[in-house]
């Protein structure tokens, strides 16, 4: 795995996530197929493809949209793994084209995985997901920010 020259944990948390994601991207590009560079940060090492992802933020939530055309909702699995939301599934190949000569084959088939590092202040018990017309929509509600409060000091 590629490592930055300075300790990532000294960065603010938003930059830590960015730095870790950049390490992952660089690692995937330069160590593709390298068995010695194994890392849990290489989510698509054994998967056929990675679906496209859009993330939007509103005042009270995040919305994630994954494009999964040709995927049946029954073959999609959504899991929480520590501080990550992991989407896995399978897009079956077209059975009627196996005997045909292929001129262009751009549509990915097989298993896929997308691992998304979640922000710290989420209400994970209220995450919702829906699947419509090949698009998986995941709604991630934010937790209410802790409000400052005065703590009474008692005399002993």
C-alpha atoms as a PDB file:
ATOM      1  CA  UNK A   1       0.000   0.000   0.000  1.00  0.00           C
ATOM      2  CA  UNK A   2       1.166   3.530  -0.760  1.00  0.00           C
ATOM      3  CA  UNK A   3       1.757   5.594   2.368  1.00  0.00           C
ATOM      4  CA  UNK A   4       1.926   9.340   2.833  1.00  0.00           C
ATOM      5  CA  UNK A   5       5.117  10.769   4.316  1.00  0.00           C
ATOM      6  CA  UNK A   6       3.291  12.193   7.318  1.00  0.00           C
ATOM      7  CA  UNK A   7       0.919  10.535   9.816  1.00  0.00           C
ATOM      8  CA  UNK A   8      -2.609  10.793   8.469  1.00  0.00           C
ATOM      9  CA  UNK A   9      -4.061  10.700  11.987  1.00  0.00           C
ATOM     10  CA  UNK A  10      -2.656  14.211  12.596  1.00  0.00           C
ATOM     11  CA  UNK A  11      -4.951  15.676   9.930  1.00  0.00           C
ATOM     12  CA  UNK A  12      -8.482  16.943  10.664  1.00  0.00           C
ATOM     13  CA  UNK A  13     -11.001  14.091  10.305  1.00  0.00           C
ATOM     14  CA  UNK A  14     -12.378  15.250   6.928  1.00  0.00           C
ATOM     15  CA  UNK A  15      -8.860  15.305   5.491  1.00  0.00           C
ATOM     16  CA  UNK A  16      -8.075  11.913   7.046  1.00  0.00           C
ATOM     17  CA  UNK A  17     -10.903  10.364   5.023  1.00  0.00           C
ATOM     18  CA  UNK A  18      -9.712  12.128   1.870  1.00  0.00           C
ATOM     19  CA  UNK A  19      -6.094  11.054   2.410  1.00  0.00           C
ATOM     20  CA  UNK A  20      -7.128   7.450   3.061  1.00  0.00           C
ATOM     21  CA  UNK A  21      -9.305   7.427  -0.065  1.00  0.00           C
ATOM     22  CA  UNK A  22      -6.423   8.840  -2.128  1.00  0.00           C
ATOM     23  CA  UNK A  23      -4.126   6.113  -0.775  1.00  0.00           C
ATOM     24  CA  UNK A  24      -6.708   3.546  -1.827  1.00  0.00           C
ATOM     25  CA  UNK A  25      -6.986   4.960  -5.352  1.00  0.00           C
ATOM     26  CA  UNK A  26      -3.228   5.135  -5.831  1.00  0.00           C
ATOM     27  CA  UNK A  27      -2.869   1.627  -4.395  1.00  0.00           C
ATOM     28  CA  UNK A  28      -5.511   0.264  -6.774  1.00  0.00           C
ATOM     29  CA  UNK A  29      -3.853   1.860  -9.785  1.00  0.00           C
ATOM     30  CA  UNK A  30      -0.259   0.875  -9.030  1.00  0.00           C
ATOM     31  CA  UNK A  31      -0.744  -2.450  -7.229  1.00  0.00           C
ATOM     32  CA  UNK A  32      -3.534  -3.999  -9.268  1.00  0.00           C
ATOM     33  CA  UNK A  33      -3.052  -7.751  -9.120  1.00  0.00           C
ATOM     34  CA  UNK A  34      -0.174  -7.480  -6.653  1.00  0.00           C
ATOM     35  CA  UNK A  35      -0.815 -10.110  -4.006  1.00  0.00           C
ATOM     36  CA  UNK A  36       1.774  -8.587  -1.683  1.00  0.00           C
ATOM     37  CA  UNK A  37      -0.103  -5.281  -1.611  1.00  0.00           C
ATOM     38  CA  UNK A  38      -3.222  -6.793  -0.071  1.00  0.00           C
ATOM     39  CA  UNK A  39      -5.311  -4.396   1.937  1.00  0.00           C
ATOM     40  CA  UNK A  40      -8.846  -4.180   3.211  1.00  0.00           C
ATOM     41  CA  UNK A  41      -8.865  -0.779   1.501  1.00  0.00           C
ATOM     42  CA  UNK A  42      -8.923  -2.484  -1.942  1.00  0.00           C
ATOM     43  CA  UNK A  43     -12.688  -3.099  -2.166  1.00  0.00           C
ATOM     44  CA  UNK A  44     -12.908  -4.100  -5.826  1.00  0.00           C
ATOM     45  CA  UNK A  45      -9.848  -6.359  -6.115  1.00  0.00           C
ATOM     46  CA  UNK A  46     -11.976  -9.484  -6.653  1.00  0.00           C
ATOM     47  CA  UNK A  47     -15.080  -7.884  -8.141  1.00  0.00           C
ATOM     48  CA  UNK A  48     -16.002  -7.478 -11.801  1.00  0.00           C
ATOM     49  CA  UNK A  49     -16.829  -3.782 -11.600  1.00  0.00           C
ATOM     50  CA  UNK A  50     -17.639  -0.843  -9.345  1.00  0.00           C
ATOM     51  CA  UNK A  51     -20.993   0.879  -9.912  1.00  0.00           C
ATOM     52  CA  UNK A  52     -21.139   4.657 -10.331  1.00  0.00           C
ATOM     53  CA  UNK A  53     -22.019   6.595  -7.174  1.00  0.00           C
ATOM     54  CA  UNK A  54     -23.449  10.085  -6.579  1.00  0.00           C
ATOM     55  CA  UNK A  55     -23.546  11.621  -3.087  1.00  0.00           C
ATOM     56  CA  UNK A  56     -25.609  14.673  -2.167  1.00  0.00           C
ATOM     57  CA  UNK A  57     -25.899  16.447   1.171  1.00  0.00           C
ATOM     58  CA  UNK A  58     -28.990  18.194   2.531  1.00  0.00           C
ATOM     59  CA  UNK A  59     -29.344  19.904   5.879  1.00  0.00           C
ATOM     60  CA  UNK A  60     -30.536  16.783   7.687  1.00  0.00           C
ATOM     61  CA  UNK A  61     -29.252  13.902   5.557  1.00  0.00           C
ATOM     62  CA  UNK A  62     -27.029  12.515   2.832  1.00  0.00           C
ATOM     63  CA  UNK A  63     -28.453  10.835  -0.271  1.00  0.00           C
ATOM     64  CA  UNK A  64     -26.451   8.211  -2.128  1.00  0.00           C
ATOM     65  CA  UNK A  65     -27.418   7.010  -5.597  1.00  0.00           C
ATOM     66  CA  UNK A  66     -25.812   3.945  -7.170  1.00  0.00           C
ATOM     67  CA  UNK A  67     -26.482   3.194 -10.834  1.00  0.00           C
ATOM     68  CA  UNK A  68     -27.260  -0.507 -11.130  1.00  0.00           C
ATOM     69  CA  UNK A  69     -28.913  -1.004 -14.539  1.00  0.00           C
ATOM     70  CA  UNK A  70     -29.830  -4.584 -15.277  1.00  0.00           C
ATOM     71  CA  UNK A  71     -29.438  -5.616 -11.632  1.00  0.00           C
ATOM     72  CA  UNK A  72     -32.351  -7.234  -9.816  1.00  0.00           C
ATOM     73  CA  UNK A  73     -33.100  -5.730  -6.406  1.00  0.00           C
ATOM     74  CA  UNK A  74     -33.012  -9.237  -4.877  1.00  0.00           C
ATOM     75  CA  UNK A  75     -29.341  -9.577  -5.806  1.00  0.00           C
ATOM     76  CA  UNK A  76     -28.290  -6.365  -3.984  1.00  0.00           C
ATOM     77  CA  UNK A  77     -27.055  -6.521  -0.394  1.00  0.00           C
ATOM     78  CA  UNK A  78     -26.498  -3.517   1.863  1.00  0.00           C
ATOM     79  CA  UNK A  79     -24.445  -3.895   5.067  1.00  0.00           C
ATOM     80  CA  UNK A  80     -22.854  -1.788   7.771  1.00  0.00           C
ATOM     81  CA  UNK A  81     -19.254  -2.884   8.430  1.00  0.00           C
ATOM     82  CA  UNK A  82     -17.665  -0.780  11.151  1.00  0.00           C
ATOM     83  CA  UNK A  83     -17.678   2.780   9.762  1.00  0.00           C
ATOM     84  CA  UNK A  84     -18.455   1.757   6.179  1.00  0.00           C
ATOM     85  CA  UNK A  85     -21.605   1.103   4.220  1.00  0.00           C
ATOM     86  CA  UNK A  86     -20.968  -1.789   1.820  1.00  0.00           C
ATOM     87  CA  UNK A  87     -23.119  -2.463  -1.232  1.00  0.00           C
ATOM     88  CA  UNK A  88     -22.608  -5.786  -3.015  1.00  0.00           C
ATOM     89  CA  UNK A  89     -24.511  -7.590  -5.707  1.00  0.00           C
ATOM     90  CA  UNK A  90     -24.462  -9.308  -9.047  1.00  0.00           C
ATOM     91  CA  UNK A  91     -25.439  -8.398 -12.596  1.00  0.00           C
ATOM     92  CA  UNK A  92     -26.067 -11.529 -14.628  1.00  0.00           C
ATOM     93  CA  UNK A  93     -24.724 -11.824 -18.146  1.00  0.00           C
ATOM     94  CA  UNK A  94     -27.110 -12.029 -21.040  1.00  0.00           C
ATOM     95  CA  UNK A  95     -27.708 -15.736 -21.666  1.00  0.00           C
ATOM     96  CA  UNK A  96     -28.878 -15.266 -25.246  1.00  0.00           C
ATOM     97  CA  UNK A  97     -25.603 -13.773 -26.557  1.00  0.00           C
ATOM     98  CA  UNK A  98     -23.108 -16.481 -25.601  1.00  0.00           C
ATOM     99  CA  UNK A  99     -23.071 -18.082 -29.063  1.00  0.00           C
ATOM    100  CA  UNK A 100     -22.850 -14.762 -30.906  1.00  0.00           C
ATOM    101  CA  UNK A 101     -19.722 -12.982 -32.131  1.00  0.00           C
ATOM    102  CA  UNK A 102     -19.065  -9.951 -29.947  1.00  0.00           C
ATOM    103  CA  UNK A 103     -18.236  -6.656 -31.676  1.00  0.00           C
ATOM    104  CA  UNK A 104     -18.397  -4.462 -28.573  1.00  0.00           C
ATOM    105  CA  UNK A 105     -18.984  -5.438 -24.958  1.00  0.00           C
ATOM    106  CA  UNK A 106     -19.061  -2.377 -22.681  1.00  0.00           C
ATOM    107  CA  UNK A 107     -21.704  -3.476 -20.173  1.00  0.00           C
ATOM    108  CA  UNK A 108     -20.081  -4.987 -17.090  1.00  0.00           C
ATOM    109  CA  UNK A 109     -21.501  -8.168 -15.645  1.00  0.00           C
ATOM    110  CA  UNK A 110     -20.633 -10.224 -12.603  1.00  0.00           C
ATOM    111  CA  UNK A 111     -20.261  -9.301  -8.970  1.00  0.00           C
ATOM    112  CA  UNK A 112     -19.758  -5.769  -7.758  1.00  0.00           C
ATOM    113  CA  UNK A 113     -18.982  -3.997  -4.522  1.00  0.00           C
ATOM    114  CA  UNK A 114     -18.951  -0.387  -3.417  1.00  0.00           C
ATOM    115  CA  UNK A 115     -17.664   0.537   0.034  1.00  0.00           C
ATOM    116  CA  UNK A 116     -18.494   4.005   1.331  1.00  0.00           C
ATOM    117  CA  UNK A 117     -16.864   5.506   4.410  1.00  0.00           C
ATOM    118  CA  UNK A 118     -19.606   7.163   6.439  1.00  0.00           C
ATOM    119  CA  UNK A 119     -19.444  10.485   8.246  1.00  0.00           C
ATOM    120  CA  UNK A 120     -19.254  10.266  12.027  1.00  0.00           C
ATOM    121  CA  UNK A 121     -22.572  11.935  12.923  1.00  0.00           C
ATOM    122  CA  UNK A 122     -25.123   9.617  11.287  1.00  0.00           C
ATOM    123  CA  UNK A 123     -28.196   7.990  12.753  1.00  0.00           C
ATOM    124  CA  UNK A 124     -27.316   4.500  11.465  1.00  0.00           C
ATOM    125  CA  UNK A 125     -30.519   2.974  12.891  1.00  0.00           C
ATOM    126  CA  UNK A 126     -32.597   5.141  10.539  1.00  0.00           C
ATOM    127  CA  UNK A 127     -30.781   4.443   7.243  1.00  0.00           C
ATOM    128  CA  UNK A 128     -33.275   3.714   4.471  1.00  0.00           C
ATOM    129  CA  UNK A 129     -32.811   2.249   1.000  1.00  0.00           C
ATOM    130  CA  UNK A 130     -35.042   1.977  -2.055  1.00  0.00           C
ATOM    131  CA  UNK A 131     -34.494   0.527  -5.523  1.00  0.00           C
ATOM    132  CA  UNK A 132     -36.261   1.937  -8.587  1.00  0.00           C
ATOM    133  CA  UNK A 133     -35.488   1.636 -12.315  1.00  0.00           C
ATOM    134  CA  UNK A 134     -31.962   0.354 -11.745  1.00  0.00           C
ATOM    135  CA  UNK A 135     -31.022   3.064  -9.226  1.00  0.00           C
ATOM    136  CA  UNK A 136     -30.352   2.275  -5.576  1.00  0.00           C
ATOM    137  CA  UNK A 137     -31.147   5.281  -3.350  1.00  0.00           C
ATOM    138  CA  UNK A 138     -29.763   5.233   0.195  1.00  0.00           C
ATOM    139  CA  UNK A 139     -30.881   7.904   2.641  1.00  0.00           C
ATOM    140  CA  UNK A 140     -28.461   8.530   5.514  1.00  0.00           C
ATOM    141  CA  UNK A 141     -30.057  10.743   8.197  1.00  0.00           C
ATOM    142  CA  UNK A 142     -27.689  12.917  10.184  1.00  0.00           C
ATOM    143  CA  UNK A 143     -27.666  12.779  13.971  1.00  0.00           C
ATOM    144  CA  UNK A 144     -28.635  15.911  15.794  1.00  0.00           C
ATOM    145  CA  UNK A 145     -25.521  17.807  16.781  1.00  0.00           C
ATOM    146  CA  UNK A 146     -24.907  17.752  20.516  1.00  0.00           C
ATOM    147  CA  UNK A 147     -26.121  20.992  22.064  1.00  0.00           C
ATOM    148  CA  UNK A 148     -23.979  22.788  24.619  1.00  0.00           C
ATOM    149  CA  UNK A 149     -25.333  22.534  28.116  1.00  0.00           C
ATOM    150  CA  UNK A 150     -24.379  23.809  31.522  1.00  0.00           C
ATOM    151  CA  UNK A 151     -23.399  21.218  34.094  1.00  0.00           C
ATOM    152  CA  UNK A 152     -24.158  22.073  37.689  1.00  0.00           C
ATOM    153  CA  UNK A 153     -21.247  21.752  40.086  1.00  0.00           C
ATOM    154  CA  UNK A 154     -22.308  20.422  43.464  1.00  0.00           C
ATOM    155  CA  UNK A 155     -20.542  21.196  46.705  1.00  0.00           C
ATOM    156  CA  UNK A 156     -19.153  18.181  48.457  1.00  0.00           C
END
